[in-house]
Amino acid sequence: MRLHSDGALLRHPCSIAAPHERFANLSEKIFAMILTLYGVEWIYEPLEFPLAWNEKGSPTRGFRPDFYLPASGTFIELTILEQRLVTKKNRKVREFRLLYPELPIEVVYRGDFIALAERHGVALNSYATQAA
């Protein structure tokens, strides 16, 4: 765990923003389009939060939520692709909540995403819920 010189836990994510020219998959693009439709400002993968540190205090493992909604200060993680990864993502979200309890995060699961997309007239095929 990384500490300030005064012993306080470092809670700040790295300040390097991820490029957002491309989404990791079509589902993230659809989700962004729905947010935009409702006028919700969003930022794609803006920050990486350290989840583990080595003995020298350097991050060894991190978590980069898919979206940040500035108006509400909420992070969004989509968990809709390979269901075998759900347990791993849920573990990272739990660790994020423990280390950064002041930062709200919501998880959107596959069934909820499909229902949301279909409510907006997006007919999803298997490609939309698979990795790019």
N, C-alpha and C. Protein backbone atom coordinates (compact mmCIF):
# COMPACT_ATOMS: atom_id res chain seq x y z
N MET A 1 0.84 -1.17 0.00
CA MET A 1 0.00 0.00 0.00
C MET A 1 0.89 1.24 0.00
N ARG A 2 0.57 2.20 -0.82
CA ARG A 2 1.40 3.39 -0.94
C ARG A 2 0.93 4.44 0.05
N LEU A 3 1.89 5.05 0.75
CA LEU A 3 1.58 6.04 1.77
C LEU A 3 2.29 7.35 1.50
N HIS A 4 1.66 8.45 1.92
CA HIS A 4 2.33 9.75 1.93
C HIS A 4 3.43 9.70 2.99
N SER A 5 4.33 10.68 2.95
CA SER A 5 5.39 10.72 3.95
C SER A 5 4.83 10.86 5.36
N ASP A 6 3.61 11.41 5.50
CA ASP A 6 3.01 11.54 6.83
C ASP A 6 2.25 10.28 7.25
N GLY A 7 2.29 9.23 6.41
CA GLY A 7 1.64 7.98 6.75
C GLY A 7 0.22 7.83 6.24
N ALA A 8 -0.34 8.88 5.64
CA ALA A 8 -1.71 8.80 5.12
C ALA A 8 -1.73 8.00 3.82
N LEU A 9 -2.78 7.22 3.63
CA LEU A 9 -2.92 6.41 2.42
C LEU A 9 -3.10 7.30 1.20
N LEU A 10 -2.34 7.01 0.14
CA LEU A 10 -2.50 7.72 -1.13
C LEU A 10 -3.77 7.21 -1.81
N ARG A 11 -4.68 8.09 -2.12
CA ARG A 11 -5.94 7.70 -2.74
C ARG A 11 -6.11 8.27 -4.14
N HIS A 12 -5.08 8.85 -4.67
CA HIS A 12 -5.21 9.52 -5.95
C HIS A 12 -4.87 8.60 -7.11
N PRO A 13 -5.72 8.58 -8.14
CA PRO A 13 -5.40 7.77 -9.32
C PRO A 13 -4.30 8.45 -10.12
N CYS A 14 -3.74 7.70 -11.04
CA CYS A 14 -2.74 8.31 -11.91
C CYS A 14 -3.41 9.40 -12.72
N SER A 15 -2.67 10.37 -13.16
CA SER A 15 -3.25 11.52 -13.85
C SER A 15 -3.19 11.39 -15.36
N ILE A 16 -2.82 10.23 -15.85
CA ILE A 16 -2.73 10.04 -17.29
C ILE A 16 -4.08 9.57 -17.82
N ALA A 17 -4.69 10.39 -18.65
CA ALA A 17 -5.99 10.03 -19.23
C ALA A 17 -5.79 9.06 -20.38
N ALA A 18 -6.71 8.12 -20.49
CA ALA A 18 -6.64 7.16 -21.59
C ALA A 18 -7.19 7.79 -22.86
N PRO A 19 -6.62 7.44 -24.01
CA PRO A 19 -7.19 7.95 -25.25
C PRO A 19 -8.57 7.35 -25.47
N HIS A 20 -9.47 8.11 -26.07
CA HIS A 20 -10.82 7.60 -26.26
C HIS A 20 -11.28 7.63 -27.71
N GLU A 21 -10.35 7.53 -28.63
CA GLU A 21 -10.73 7.49 -30.04
C GLU A 21 -11.49 6.22 -30.37
N ARG A 22 -11.17 5.15 -29.70
CA ARG A 22 -11.80 3.86 -29.97
C ARG A 22 -12.30 3.24 -28.68
N PHE A 23 -13.44 2.62 -28.78
CA PHE A 23 -13.96 1.87 -27.64
C PHE A 23 -13.42 0.45 -27.72
N ALA A 24 -13.37 -0.22 -26.58
CA ALA A 24 -12.86 -1.59 -26.54
C ALA A 24 -13.80 -2.55 -27.27
N ASN A 25 -15.09 -2.21 -27.32
CA ASN A 25 -16.06 -3.08 -27.99
C ASN A 25 -17.29 -2.27 -28.38
N LEU A 26 -18.12 -2.87 -29.19
CA LEU A 26 -19.32 -2.20 -29.69
C LEU A 26 -20.29 -1.85 -28.56
N SER A 27 -20.35 -2.68 -27.54
CA SER A 27 -21.26 -2.41 -26.42
C SER A 27 -20.93 -1.10 -25.73
N GLU A 28 -19.65 -0.81 -25.55
CA GLU A 28 -19.25 0.46 -24.93
C GLU A 28 -19.67 1.64 -25.81
N LYS A 29 -19.55 1.47 -27.12
CA LYS A 29 -19.97 2.52 -28.05
C LYS A 29 -21.48 2.75 -27.96
N ILE A 30 -22.25 1.68 -27.91
CA ILE A 30 -23.70 1.79 -27.79
C ILE A 30 -24.07 2.48 -26.48
N PHE A 31 -23.42 2.10 -25.39
CA PHE A 31 -23.70 2.71 -24.09
C PHE A 31 -23.41 4.21 -24.14
N ALA A 32 -22.29 4.58 -24.75
CA ALA A 32 -21.93 6.00 -24.88
C ALA A 32 -22.97 6.75 -25.71
N MET A 33 -23.47 6.12 -26.76
CA MET A 33 -24.48 6.75 -27.60
C MET A 33 -25.78 6.98 -26.82
N ILE A 34 -26.15 6.03 -25.96
CA ILE A 34 -27.36 6.19 -25.14
C ILE A 34 -27.17 7.33 -24.14
N LEU A 35 -26.00 7.39 -23.51
CA LEU A 35 -25.73 8.51 -22.59
C LEU A 35 -25.84 9.84 -23.33
N THR A 36 -25.24 9.91 -24.51
CA THR A 36 -25.27 11.13 -25.31
C THR A 36 -26.69 11.50 -25.70
N LEU A 37 -27.49 10.51 -26.04
CA LEU A 37 -28.89 10.74 -26.40
C LEU A 37 -29.63 11.51 -25.31
N TYR A 38 -29.33 11.20 -24.06
CA TYR A 38 -29.99 11.85 -22.92
C TYR A 38 -29.24 13.09 -22.44
N GLY A 39 -28.21 13.48 -23.16
CA GLY A 39 -27.46 14.67 -22.77
C GLY A 39 -26.59 14.48 -21.55
N VAL A 40 -26.25 13.23 -21.26
CA VAL A 40 -25.39 12.93 -20.11
C VAL A 40 -23.94 13.05 -20.55
N GLU A 41 -23.22 13.96 -19.92
CA GLU A 41 -21.79 14.11 -20.22
C GLU A 41 -21.05 12.90 -19.67
N TRP A 42 -20.14 12.36 -20.46
CA TRP A 42 -19.37 11.20 -20.04
C TRP A 42 -17.93 11.33 -20.52
N ILE A 43 -17.06 10.62 -19.83
CA ILE A 43 -15.66 10.53 -20.21
C ILE A 43 -15.32 9.04 -20.24
N TYR A 44 -14.71 8.61 -21.33
CA TYR A 44 -14.38 7.20 -21.49
C TYR A 44 -13.03 6.87 -20.86
N GLU A 45 -13.03 5.89 -19.97
CA GLU A 45 -11.83 5.39 -19.30
C GLU A 45 -10.86 6.51 -18.89
N PRO A 46 -11.32 7.45 -18.08
CA PRO A 46 -10.49 8.63 -17.80
C PRO A 46 -9.29 8.39 -16.89
N LEU A 47 -9.41 7.47 -15.96
CA LEU A 47 -8.35 7.30 -14.96
C LEU A 47 -8.14 5.84 -14.62
N GLU A 48 -6.92 5.53 -14.25
CA GLU A 48 -6.63 4.20 -13.72
C GLU A 48 -6.34 4.34 -12.23
N PHE A 49 -7.02 3.52 -11.45
CA PHE A 49 -6.86 3.55 -10.00
C PHE A 49 -5.99 2.38 -9.55
N PRO A 50 -4.90 2.64 -8.85
CA PRO A 50 -4.09 1.55 -8.32
C PRO A 50 -4.89 0.72 -7.32
N LEU A 51 -4.74 -0.60 -7.41
CA LEU A 51 -5.40 -1.51 -6.46
C LEU A 51 -4.39 -2.25 -5.59
N ALA A 52 -3.15 -2.31 -6.04
CA ALA A 52 -2.10 -2.98 -5.28
C ALA A 52 -0.77 -2.30 -5.58
N TRP A 53 0.12 -2.36 -4.59
CA TRP A 53 1.42 -1.71 -4.70
C TRP A 53 2.50 -2.69 -4.27
N ASN A 54 3.71 -2.51 -4.83
CA ASN A 54 4.84 -3.32 -4.37
C ASN A 54 5.48 -2.66 -3.15
N GLU A 55 6.53 -3.26 -2.65
CA GLU A 55 7.18 -2.76 -1.43
C GLU A 55 7.79 -1.38 -1.62
N LYS A 56 8.04 -0.98 -2.86
CA LYS A 56 8.59 0.35 -3.13
C LYS A 56 7.50 1.40 -3.31
N GLY A 57 6.25 0.97 -3.25
CA GLY A 57 5.13 1.90 -3.39
C GLY A 57 4.66 2.13 -4.81
N SER A 58 5.20 1.37 -5.76
CA SER A 58 4.75 1.50 -7.15
C SER A 58 3.53 0.62 -7.39
N PRO A 59 2.55 1.14 -8.13
CA PRO A 59 1.36 0.32 -8.42
C PRO A 59 1.73 -0.94 -9.20
N THR A 60 1.13 -2.05 -8.81
CA THR A 60 1.36 -3.32 -9.50
C THR A 60 0.10 -3.83 -10.19
N ARG A 61 -1.04 -3.31 -9.81
CA ARG A 61 -2.32 -3.72 -10.39
C ARG A 61 -3.27 -2.56 -10.30
N GLY A 62 -4.07 -2.38 -11.35
CA GLY A 62 -4.98 -1.24 -11.36
C GLY A 62 -6.34 -1.59 -11.92
N PHE A 63 -7.20 -0.58 -11.91
CA PHE A 63 -8.57 -0.72 -12.40
C PHE A 63 -8.96 0.57 -13.08
N ARG A 64 -9.42 0.46 -14.32
CA ARG A 64 -9.83 1.63 -15.10
C ARG A 64 -11.31 1.46 -15.45
N PRO A 65 -12.21 2.11 -14.69
CA PRO A 65 -13.64 2.00 -15.02
C PRO A 65 -13.92 2.51 -16.43
N ASP A 66 -14.94 1.95 -17.05
CA ASP A 66 -15.24 2.26 -18.45
C ASP A 66 -15.66 3.71 -18.67
N PHE A 67 -16.50 4.25 -17.79
CA PHE A 67 -17.02 5.60 -17.98
C PHE A 67 -16.99 6.38 -16.67
N TYR A 68 -16.91 7.69 -16.80
CA TYR A 68 -17.06 8.61 -15.67
C TYR A 68 -18.12 9.63 -16.07
N LEU A 69 -19.09 9.86 -15.18
CA LEU A 69 -20.15 10.83 -15.41
C LEU A 69 -19.87 12.03 -14.51
N PRO A 70 -19.29 13.11 -15.06
CA PRO A 70 -18.88 14.26 -14.24
C PRO A 70 -20.01 14.91 -13.45
N ALA A 71 -21.20 14.98 -14.01
CA ALA A 71 -22.30 15.67 -13.32
C ALA A 71 -22.66 15.00 -12.00
N SER A 72 -22.56 13.69 -11.95
CA SER A 72 -22.90 12.97 -10.72
C SER A 72 -21.66 12.48 -9.98
N GLY A 73 -20.50 12.57 -10.62
CA GLY A 73 -19.27 12.08 -10.00
C GLY A 73 -19.23 10.57 -9.89
N THR A 74 -19.95 9.88 -10.78
CA THR A 74 -20.08 8.42 -10.72
C THR A 74 -19.27 7.75 -11.82
N PHE A 75 -18.63 6.65 -11.46
CA PHE A 75 -17.94 5.80 -12.43
C PHE A 75 -18.88 4.66 -12.81
N ILE A 76 -18.78 4.21 -14.06
CA ILE A 76 -19.60 3.11 -14.58
C ILE A 76 -18.68 2.04 -15.14
N GLU A 77 -18.93 0.79 -14.76
CA GLU A 77 -18.20 -0.35 -15.30
C GLU A 77 -19.19 -1.26 -16.01
N LEU A 78 -18.97 -1.51 -17.29
CA LEU A 78 -19.82 -2.44 -18.04
C LEU A 78 -19.24 -3.83 -17.90
N THR A 79 -20.09 -4.78 -17.53
CA THR A 79 -19.67 -6.17 -17.39
C THR A 79 -20.64 -7.00 -18.21
N ILE A 80 -20.45 -6.95 -19.53
CA ILE A 80 -21.44 -7.57 -20.40
C ILE A 80 -20.85 -8.56 -21.39
N LEU A 81 -19.55 -8.65 -21.44
CA LEU A 81 -18.94 -9.52 -22.43
C LEU A 81 -18.85 -10.94 -21.91
N GLU A 82 -17.71 -11.52 -21.91
CA GLU A 82 -17.56 -12.91 -21.49
C GLU A 82 -17.90 -13.06 -20.02
N GLN A 83 -18.87 -13.90 -19.75
CA GLN A 83 -19.35 -14.05 -18.38
C GLN A 83 -18.29 -14.66 -17.46
N ARG A 84 -17.29 -15.32 -18.03
CA ARG A 84 -16.22 -15.86 -17.18
C ARG A 84 -15.40 -14.74 -16.54
N LEU A 85 -15.49 -13.53 -17.11
CA LEU A 85 -14.74 -12.40 -16.56
C LEU A 85 -15.51 -11.63 -15.49
N VAL A 86 -16.79 -11.97 -15.29
CA VAL A 86 -17.62 -11.24 -14.33
C VAL A 86 -17.04 -11.34 -12.92
N THR A 87 -16.61 -12.52 -12.51
CA THR A 87 -16.06 -12.69 -11.16
C THR A 87 -14.82 -11.83 -10.98
N LYS A 88 -13.95 -11.80 -11.98
CA LYS A 88 -12.73 -10.99 -11.91
C LYS A 88 -13.07 -9.50 -11.82
N LYS A 89 -14.02 -9.05 -12.66
CA LYS A 89 -14.42 -7.64 -12.61
C LYS A 89 -15.09 -7.30 -11.29
N ASN A 90 -15.95 -8.19 -10.81
CA ASN A 90 -16.60 -7.93 -9.52
C ASN A 90 -15.58 -7.80 -8.40
N ARG A 91 -14.52 -8.60 -8.45
CA ARG A 91 -13.46 -8.53 -7.44
C ARG A 91 -12.77 -7.17 -7.51
N LYS A 92 -12.48 -6.70 -8.73
CA LYS A 92 -11.84 -5.39 -8.88
C LYS A 92 -12.75 -4.27 -8.39
N VAL A 93 -14.04 -4.37 -8.66
CA VAL A 93 -14.98 -3.35 -8.18
C VAL A 93 -15.03 -3.35 -6.66
N ARG A 94 -15.05 -4.53 -6.04
CA ARG A 94 -15.03 -4.61 -4.56
C ARG A 94 -13.77 -3.96 -4.00
N GLU A 95 -12.62 -4.25 -4.59
CA GLU A 95 -11.36 -3.65 -4.14
C GLU A 95 -11.39 -2.13 -4.32
N PHE A 96 -11.91 -1.67 -5.46
CA PHE A 96 -12.05 -0.24 -5.72
C PHE A 96 -12.89 0.42 -4.62
N ARG A 97 -14.01 -0.21 -4.30
CA ARG A 97 -14.90 0.36 -3.27
C ARG A 97 -14.23 0.40 -1.90
N LEU A 98 -13.40 -0.59 -1.60
CA LEU A 98 -12.69 -0.59 -0.31
C LEU A 98 -11.62 0.49 -0.26
N LEU A 99 -10.88 0.66 -1.35
CA LEU A 99 -9.78 1.63 -1.37
C LEU A 99 -10.23 3.06 -1.62
N TYR A 100 -11.33 3.22 -2.33
CA TYR A 100 -11.82 4.55 -2.71
C TYR A 100 -13.30 4.69 -2.36
N PRO A 101 -13.65 4.56 -1.08
CA PRO A 101 -15.08 4.55 -0.69
C PRO A 101 -15.80 5.86 -0.99
N GLU A 102 -15.06 6.92 -1.18
CA GLU A 102 -15.67 8.23 -1.46
C GLU A 102 -16.08 8.37 -2.93
N LEU A 103 -15.71 7.42 -3.77
CA LEU A 103 -16.00 7.49 -5.20
C LEU A 103 -17.09 6.47 -5.58
N PRO A 104 -18.26 6.96 -6.00
CA PRO A 104 -19.32 6.02 -6.37
C PRO A 104 -19.03 5.31 -7.69
N ILE A 105 -19.39 4.04 -7.73
CA ILE A 105 -19.25 3.25 -8.96
C ILE A 105 -20.48 2.36 -9.09
N GLU A 106 -20.97 2.26 -10.32
CA GLU A 106 -22.10 1.39 -10.63
C GLU A 106 -21.65 0.38 -11.67
N VAL A 107 -22.14 -0.84 -11.54
CA VAL A 107 -21.82 -1.90 -12.49
C VAL A 107 -23.06 -2.18 -13.33
N VAL A 108 -22.89 -2.19 -14.65
CA VAL A 108 -23.98 -2.54 -15.56
C VAL A 108 -23.70 -3.95 -16.06
N TYR A 109 -24.61 -4.87 -15.74
CA TYR A 109 -24.45 -6.27 -16.14
C TYR A 109 -25.12 -6.53 -17.48
N ARG A 110 -24.78 -7.63 -18.07
CA ARG A 110 -25.22 -8.01 -19.42
C ARG A 110 -26.74 -7.88 -19.61
N GLY A 111 -27.52 -8.49 -18.74
CA GLY A 111 -28.98 -8.45 -18.89
C GLY A 111 -29.54 -7.04 -18.85
N ASP A 112 -29.01 -6.22 -17.95
CA ASP A 112 -29.46 -4.83 -17.85
C ASP A 112 -29.08 -4.04 -19.10
N PHE A 113 -27.88 -4.29 -19.61
CA PHE A 113 -27.44 -3.59 -20.81
C PHE A 113 -28.29 -3.97 -22.01
N ILE A 114 -28.55 -5.26 -22.17
CA ILE A 114 -29.36 -5.71 -23.31
C ILE A 114 -30.75 -5.10 -23.23
N ALA A 115 -31.36 -5.09 -22.04
CA ALA A 115 -32.69 -4.48 -21.89
C ALA A 115 -32.65 -2.99 -22.22
N LEU A 116 -31.63 -2.29 -21.76
CA LEU A 116 -31.49 -0.86 -22.05
C LEU A 116 -31.35 -0.61 -23.55
N ALA A 117 -30.49 -1.37 -24.19
CA ALA A 117 -30.26 -1.21 -25.63
C ALA A 117 -31.54 -1.50 -26.41
N GLU A 118 -32.22 -2.58 -26.06
CA GLU A 118 -33.44 -2.94 -26.78
C GLU A 118 -34.55 -1.91 -26.56
N ARG A 119 -34.61 -1.32 -25.38
CA ARG A 119 -35.58 -0.25 -25.11
C ARG A 119 -35.35 0.94 -26.02
N HIS A 120 -34.13 1.08 -26.50
CA HIS A 120 -33.78 2.20 -27.37
C HIS A 120 -33.68 1.78 -28.83
N GLY A 121 -34.26 0.62 -29.14
CA GLY A 121 -34.34 0.17 -30.53
C GLY A 121 -33.06 -0.39 -31.10
N VAL A 122 -32.12 -0.75 -30.23
CA VAL A 122 -30.86 -1.34 -30.71
C VAL A 122 -31.00 -2.85 -30.63
N ALA A 123 -31.08 -3.49 -31.79
CA ALA A 123 -31.16 -4.94 -31.84
C ALA A 123 -29.74 -5.48 -31.75
N LEU A 124 -29.45 -6.14 -30.66
CA LEU A 124 -28.09 -6.64 -30.44
C LEU A 124 -27.92 -8.02 -31.05
N ASN A 125 -26.83 -8.18 -31.75
CA ASN A 125 -26.45 -9.51 -32.19
C ASN A 125 -25.32 -9.98 -31.29
N SER A 126 -24.82 -11.16 -31.53
CA SER A 126 -23.77 -11.68 -30.65
C SER A 126 -22.50 -10.83 -30.72
N TYR A 127 -22.27 -10.14 -31.85
CA TYR A 127 -21.07 -9.32 -31.98
C TYR A 127 -21.05 -8.18 -30.97
N ALA A 128 -22.21 -7.60 -30.69
CA ALA A 128 -22.28 -6.44 -29.80
C ALA A 128 -21.95 -6.79 -28.37
N THR A 129 -22.07 -8.04 -28.00
CA THR A 129 -21.77 -8.42 -26.63
C THR A 129 -20.55 -9.33 -26.56
N GLN A 130 -19.66 -9.16 -27.53
CA GLN A 130 -18.38 -9.87 -27.53
C GLN A 130 -17.25 -8.86 -27.63
N ALA A 131 -16.07 -9.28 -27.26
CA ALA A 131 -14.90 -8.39 -27.34
C ALA A 131 -14.62 -8.03 -28.78
N ALA A 132 -14.05 -6.83 -28.96
CA ALA A 132 -13.74 -6.36 -30.32
C ALA A 132 -12.50 -7.04 -30.84
